[in-house]
Amino acid sequence: MKKIVEFTVNGEPREMTVDTCRSLLDALREEVGLTGTKKGCDVGDCGACTVIVDGEPVNACLMLAVEAEGRSVQTVEGLQPGVDRLHPLQDAFMRHGASQCGFCTPGILMMAKKLLDDNPNPTDEDIRFGLSGNICRCTGYTKIFDAIKSAAREMEAARS
């Protein structure tokens, strides 16, 4: 069975016809063409598919596309504020070498964004808890934590 779904992706209205059993992850990657959100485990364990829906992080592999009806979805492609400017988190991840293979990075960036939106000055424990649903098998997390703390400082300075 198919259904027409209307929702906003990275600030742009979208309309598509999807199977009612299609995940938001698959719809974003295949129908919308935004492949930054990764399909890792496809069961909600790894966090690689994390997107922000109406201000809250969601595992896109566990959400049906039809559940996005009327909602606002932000993917990693929508994190960058402009074509020539990176989000402070993206910049900090690059500067601190917080990404190796890069597969987990989009989901971690989205969770880190939500963390810093809610808590602009997180402790290591706050970051550990905030990223507890995201698995990285390459970096060991130290550089990820360093990048998030660096981005938090930069974002705080920009607000001052």
C-alpha atoms as a PDB file:
ATOM      1  CA  MET A   1       0.000   0.000   0.000  1.00  0.00           C
ATOM      2  CA  LYS A   2       1.279   3.470  -0.871  1.00  0.00           C
ATOM      3  CA  LYS A   3       0.574   6.870   0.620  1.00  0.00           C
ATOM      4  CA  ILE A   4       1.431  10.460  -0.256  1.00  0.00           C
ATOM      5  CA  VAL A   5       3.527  12.059   2.488  1.00  0.00           C
ATOM      6  CA  GLU A   6       4.227  15.773   2.842  1.00  0.00           C
ATOM      7  CA  PHE A   7       6.935  16.955   5.200  1.00  0.00           C
ATOM      8  CA  THR A   8       9.844  19.387   5.405  1.00  0.00           C
ATOM      9  CA  VAL A   9      13.424  18.211   4.917  1.00  0.00           C
ATOM     10  CA  ASN A  10      16.208  20.640   5.792  1.00  0.00           C
ATOM     11  CA  GLY A  11      13.789  23.543   5.466  1.00  0.00           C
ATOM     12  CA  GLU A  12      12.394  22.504   2.076  1.00  0.00           C
ATOM     13  CA  PRO A  13       8.854  21.172   1.622  1.00  0.00           C
ATOM     14  CA  ARG A  14       8.742  17.669   0.133  1.00  0.00           C
ATOM     15  CA  GLU A  15       5.972  15.478  -1.179  1.00  0.00           C
ATOM     16  CA  MET A  16       6.448  11.850  -2.114  1.00  0.00           C
ATOM     17  CA  THR A  17       4.550   8.649  -2.534  1.00  0.00           C
ATOM     18  CA  VAL A  18       5.942   5.888  -0.346  1.00  0.00           C
ATOM     19  CA  ASP A  19       5.045   2.373   0.685  1.00  0.00           C
ATOM     20  CA  THR A  20       3.448   2.554   4.123  1.00  0.00           C
ATOM     21  CA  CYS A  21       6.091   0.140   5.447  1.00  0.00           C
ATOM     22  CA  ARG A  22       9.067   2.162   4.118  1.00  0.00           C
ATOM     23  CA  SER A  23      11.409   3.591   6.738  1.00  0.00           C
ATOM     24  CA  LEU A  24      12.197   7.277   6.890  1.00  0.00           C
ATOM     25  CA  LEU A  25      15.840   6.316   6.389  1.00  0.00           C
ATOM     26  CA  ASP A  26      15.157   4.567   3.090  1.00  0.00           C
ATOM     27  CA  ALA A  27      12.856   7.373   1.920  1.00  0.00           C
ATOM     28  CA  LEU A  28      15.481  10.024   2.711  1.00  0.00           C
ATOM     29  CA  ARG A  29      18.229   8.088   0.945  1.00  0.00           C
ATOM     30  CA  GLU A  30      16.317   6.745  -2.048  1.00  0.00           C
ATOM     31  CA  GLU A  31      13.396   9.071  -2.722  1.00  0.00           C
ATOM     32  CA  VAL A  32      14.871  12.369  -1.510  1.00  0.00           C
ATOM     33  CA  GLY A  33      18.443  11.530  -2.544  1.00  0.00           C
ATOM     34  CA  LEU A  34      20.069  12.552   0.744  1.00  0.00           C
ATOM     35  CA  THR A  35      22.611   9.813   1.359  1.00  0.00           C
ATOM     36  CA  GLY A  36      24.456  11.441   4.264  1.00  0.00           C
ATOM     37  CA  THR A  37      22.253   9.599   6.745  1.00  0.00           C
ATOM     38  CA  LYS A  38      23.729   6.098   6.932  1.00  0.00           C
ATOM     39  CA  LYS A  39      22.128   2.668   7.199  1.00  0.00           C
ATOM     40  CA  GLY A  40      24.179   0.811   9.764  1.00  0.00           C
ATOM     41  CA  CYS A  41      22.371  -1.864  11.719  1.00  0.00           C
ATOM     42  CA  ASP A  42      18.823  -1.084  10.484  1.00  0.00           C
ATOM     43  CA  VAL A  43      17.446  -2.009  13.933  1.00  0.00           C
ATOM     44  CA  GLY A  44      18.122   1.162  15.947  1.00  0.00           C
ATOM     45  CA  ASP A  45      21.243   0.015  17.773  1.00  0.00           C
ATOM     46  CA  CYS A  46      24.082   1.978  16.138  1.00  0.00           C
ATOM     47  CA  GLY A  47      22.805   5.564  15.695  1.00  0.00           C
ATOM     48  CA  ALA A  48      24.305   6.007  12.212  1.00  0.00           C
ATOM     49  CA  CYS A  49      20.856   6.960  10.893  1.00  0.00           C
ATOM     50  CA  THR A  50      20.123   9.665  13.487  1.00  0.00           C
ATOM     51  CA  VAL A  51      18.146  12.645  12.171  1.00  0.00           C
ATOM     52  CA  ILE A  52      16.331  15.423  14.011  1.00  0.00           C
ATOM     53  CA  VAL A  53      12.524  15.330  13.731  1.00  0.00           C
ATOM     54  CA  ASP A  54      10.669  18.314  15.149  1.00  0.00           C
ATOM     55  CA  GLY A  55      13.694  19.105  17.304  1.00  0.00           C
ATOM     56  CA  GLU A  56      14.232  15.590  18.675  1.00  0.00           C
ATOM     57  CA  PRO A  57      16.768  12.945  17.608  1.00  0.00           C
ATOM     58  CA  VAL A  58      15.260   9.897  15.936  1.00  0.00           C
ATOM     59  CA  ASN A  59      16.701   6.697  14.522  1.00  0.00           C
ATOM     60  CA  ALA A  60      15.424   7.066  10.960  1.00  0.00           C
ATOM     61  CA  CYS A  61      15.601   3.299  10.460  1.00  0.00           C
ATOM     62  CA  LEU A  62      12.908   2.849  13.130  1.00  0.00           C
ATOM     63  CA  MET A  63      10.552   5.591  11.959  1.00  0.00           C
ATOM     64  CA  LEU A  64       8.200   5.002   9.072  1.00  0.00           C
ATOM     65  CA  ALA A  65       8.245   7.627   6.343  1.00  0.00           C
ATOM     66  CA  VAL A  66       4.472   8.043   6.716  1.00  0.00           C
ATOM     67  CA  GLU A  67       5.055   9.092  10.343  1.00  0.00           C
ATOM     68  CA  ALA A  68       6.927  12.147   9.029  1.00  0.00           C
ATOM     69  CA  GLU A  69       3.671  13.581   7.633  1.00  0.00           C
ATOM     70  CA  GLY A  70       3.522  17.305   8.476  1.00  0.00           C
ATOM     71  CA  ARG A  71       6.786  17.195  10.400  1.00  0.00           C
ATOM     72  CA  SER A  72      10.185  18.847  10.042  1.00  0.00           C
ATOM     73  CA  VAL A  73      13.205  16.609   9.442  1.00  0.00           C
ATOM     74  CA  GLN A  74      16.822  17.744   9.585  1.00  0.00           C
ATOM     75  CA  THR A  75      19.552  15.525   8.174  1.00  0.00           C
ATOM     76  CA  VAL A  76      23.315  15.970   8.267  1.00  0.00           C
ATOM     77  CA  GLU A  77      23.058  17.712   4.881  1.00  0.00           C
ATOM     78  CA  GLY A  78      20.978  20.413   6.593  1.00  0.00           C
ATOM     79  CA  LEU A  79      23.520  20.989   9.358  1.00  0.00           C
ATOM     80  CA  GLN A  80      25.784  23.187   7.252  1.00  0.00           C
ATOM     81  CA  PRO A  81      24.539  26.812   7.460  1.00  0.00           C
ATOM     82  CA  GLY A  82      25.750  27.739   3.973  1.00  0.00           C
ATOM     83  CA  VAL A  83      27.556  26.368   0.948  1.00  0.00           C
ATOM     84  CA  ASP A  84      30.800  28.004   1.970  1.00  0.00           C
ATOM     85  CA  ARG A  85      30.455  27.636   5.750  1.00  0.00           C
ATOM     86  CA  LEU A  86      30.525  24.545   7.950  1.00  0.00           C
ATOM     87  CA  HIS A  87      28.604  24.146  11.183  1.00  0.00           C
ATOM     88  CA  PRO A  88      31.019  24.529  14.137  1.00  0.00           C
ATOM     89  CA  LEU A  89      30.613  20.809  14.876  1.00  0.00           C
ATOM     90  CA  GLN A  90      31.606  19.835  11.344  1.00  0.00           C
ATOM     91  CA  ASP A  91      34.596  22.154  11.477  1.00  0.00           C
ATOM     92  CA  ALA A  92      35.682  20.852  14.886  1.00  0.00           C
ATOM     93  CA  PHE A  93      35.354  17.225  13.764  1.00  0.00           C
ATOM     94  CA  MET A  94      37.686  17.982  10.861  1.00  0.00           C
ATOM     95  CA  ARG A  95      40.208  19.905  12.964  1.00  0.00           C
ATOM     96  CA  HIS A  96      40.319  17.280  15.726  1.00  0.00           C
ATOM     97  CA  GLY A  97      40.384  14.226  13.453  1.00  0.00           C
ATOM     98  CA  ALA A  98      37.158  13.004  15.055  1.00  0.00           C
ATOM     99  CA  SER A  99      36.182  10.973  12.028  1.00  0.00           C
ATOM    100  CA  GLN A 100      38.063   8.058  10.549  1.00  0.00           C
ATOM    101  CA  CYS A 101      35.937   5.893   8.269  1.00  0.00           C
ATOM    102  CA  GLY A 102      33.124   8.461   8.564  1.00  0.00           C
ATOM    103  CA  PHE A 103      30.239   6.008   8.603  1.00  0.00           C
ATOM    104  CA  CYS A 104      29.046   6.931  12.101  1.00  0.00           C
ATOM    105  CA  THR A 105      29.852  10.624  11.747  1.00  0.00           C
ATOM    106  CA  PRO A 106      26.500  11.897  10.389  1.00  0.00           C
ATOM    107  CA  GLY A 107      24.558  10.334  13.258  1.00  0.00           C
ATOM    108  CA  ILE A 108      27.048  11.527  15.859  1.00  0.00           C
ATOM    109  CA  LEU A 109      26.987  15.052  14.422  1.00  0.00           C
ATOM    110  CA  MET A 110      23.186  15.148  14.671  1.00  0.00           C
ATOM    111  CA  MET A 111      23.201  13.867  18.266  1.00  0.00           C
ATOM    112  CA  ALA A 112      25.957  16.327  19.160  1.00  0.00           C
ATOM    113  CA  LYS A 113      23.919  19.151  17.635  1.00  0.00           C
ATOM    114  CA  LYS A 114      20.938  18.222  19.790  1.00  0.00           C
ATOM    115  CA  LEU A 115      23.196  17.916  22.839  1.00  0.00           C
ATOM    116  CA  LEU A 116      24.674  21.395  22.316  1.00  0.00           C
ATOM    117  CA  ASP A 117      21.250  22.881  21.562  1.00  0.00           C
ATOM    118  CA  ASP A 118      20.066  21.616  24.957  1.00  0.00           C
ATOM    119  CA  ASN A 119      23.326  21.989  26.879  1.00  0.00           C
ATOM    120  CA  PRO A 120      25.785  24.511  25.425  1.00  0.00           C
ATOM    121  CA  ASN A 121      28.524  23.618  27.942  1.00  0.00           C
ATOM    122  CA  PRO A 122      28.475  19.824  28.351  1.00  0.00           C
ATOM    123  CA  THR A 123      30.782  17.828  30.609  1.00  0.00           C
ATOM    124  CA  ASP A 124      32.397  14.596  29.457  1.00  0.00           C
ATOM    125  CA  GLU A 125      29.633  12.733  31.282  1.00  0.00           C
ATOM    126  CA  ASP A 126      26.976  14.783  29.459  1.00  0.00           C
ATOM    127  CA  ILE A 127      28.619  13.974  26.120  1.00  0.00           C
ATOM    128  CA  ARG A 128      28.948  10.282  27.029  1.00  0.00           C
ATOM    129  CA  PHE A 129      25.255  10.131  27.911  1.00  0.00           C
ATOM    130  CA  GLY A 130      24.237  12.219  24.890  1.00  0.00           C
ATOM    131  CA  LEU A 131      26.071   9.934  22.478  1.00  0.00           C
ATOM    132  CA  SER A 132      25.171   6.686  24.239  1.00  0.00           C
ATOM    133  CA  GLY A 133      23.033   5.586  21.286  1.00  0.00           C
ATOM    134  CA  ASN A 134      25.804   6.123  18.743  1.00  0.00           C
ATOM    135  CA  ILE A 135      28.489   3.541  18.075  1.00  0.00           C
ATOM    136  CA  CYS A 136      31.890   4.368  16.579  1.00  0.00           C
ATOM    137  CA  ARG A 137      34.231   1.462  15.998  1.00  0.00           C
ATOM    138  CA  CYS A 138      37.203   3.487  14.737  1.00  0.00           C
ATOM    139  CA  THR A 139      38.037   6.538  16.839  1.00  0.00           C
ATOM    140  CA  GLY A 140      37.799   5.465  20.465  1.00  0.00           C
ATOM    141  CA  TYR A 141      35.647   8.564  21.142  1.00  0.00           C
ATOM    142  CA  THR A 142      38.413  10.770  22.619  1.00  0.00           C
ATOM    143  CA  LYS A 143      38.713  12.918  19.510  1.00  0.00           C
ATOM    144  CA  ILE A 144      34.917  13.030  19.177  1.00  0.00           C
ATOM    145  CA  PHE A 145      34.636  14.371  22.742  1.00  0.00           C
ATOM    146  CA  ASP A 146      37.424  16.888  22.062  1.00  0.00           C
ATOM    147  CA  ALA A 147      35.661  18.076  18.898  1.00  0.00           C
ATOM    148  CA  ILE A 148      32.306  18.490  20.643  1.00  0.00           C
ATOM    149  CA  LYS A 149      33.872  20.467  23.506  1.00  0.00           C
ATOM    150  CA  SER A 150      35.761  22.627  21.009  1.00  0.00           C
ATOM    151  CA  ALA A 151      32.590  23.308  19.024  1.00  0.00           C
ATOM    152  CA  ALA A 152      30.749  24.152  22.264  1.00  0.00           C
ATOM    153  CA  ARG A 153      33.400  26.753  23.124  1.00  0.00           C
ATOM    154  CA  GLU A 154      33.244  28.249  19.622  1.00  0.00           C
ATOM    155  CA  MET A 155      29.457  28.392  19.652  1.00  0.00           C
ATOM    156  CA  GLU A 156      29.487  30.015  23.111  1.00  0.00           C
ATOM    157  CA  ALA A 157      31.997  32.626  21.933  1.00  0.00           C
ATOM    158  CA  ALA A 158      29.833  33.376  18.888  1.00  0.00           C
ATOM    159  CA  ARG A 159      26.799  33.958  21.165  1.00  0.00           C
ATOM    160  CA  SER A 160      28.739  36.392  23.377  1.00  0.00           C
END
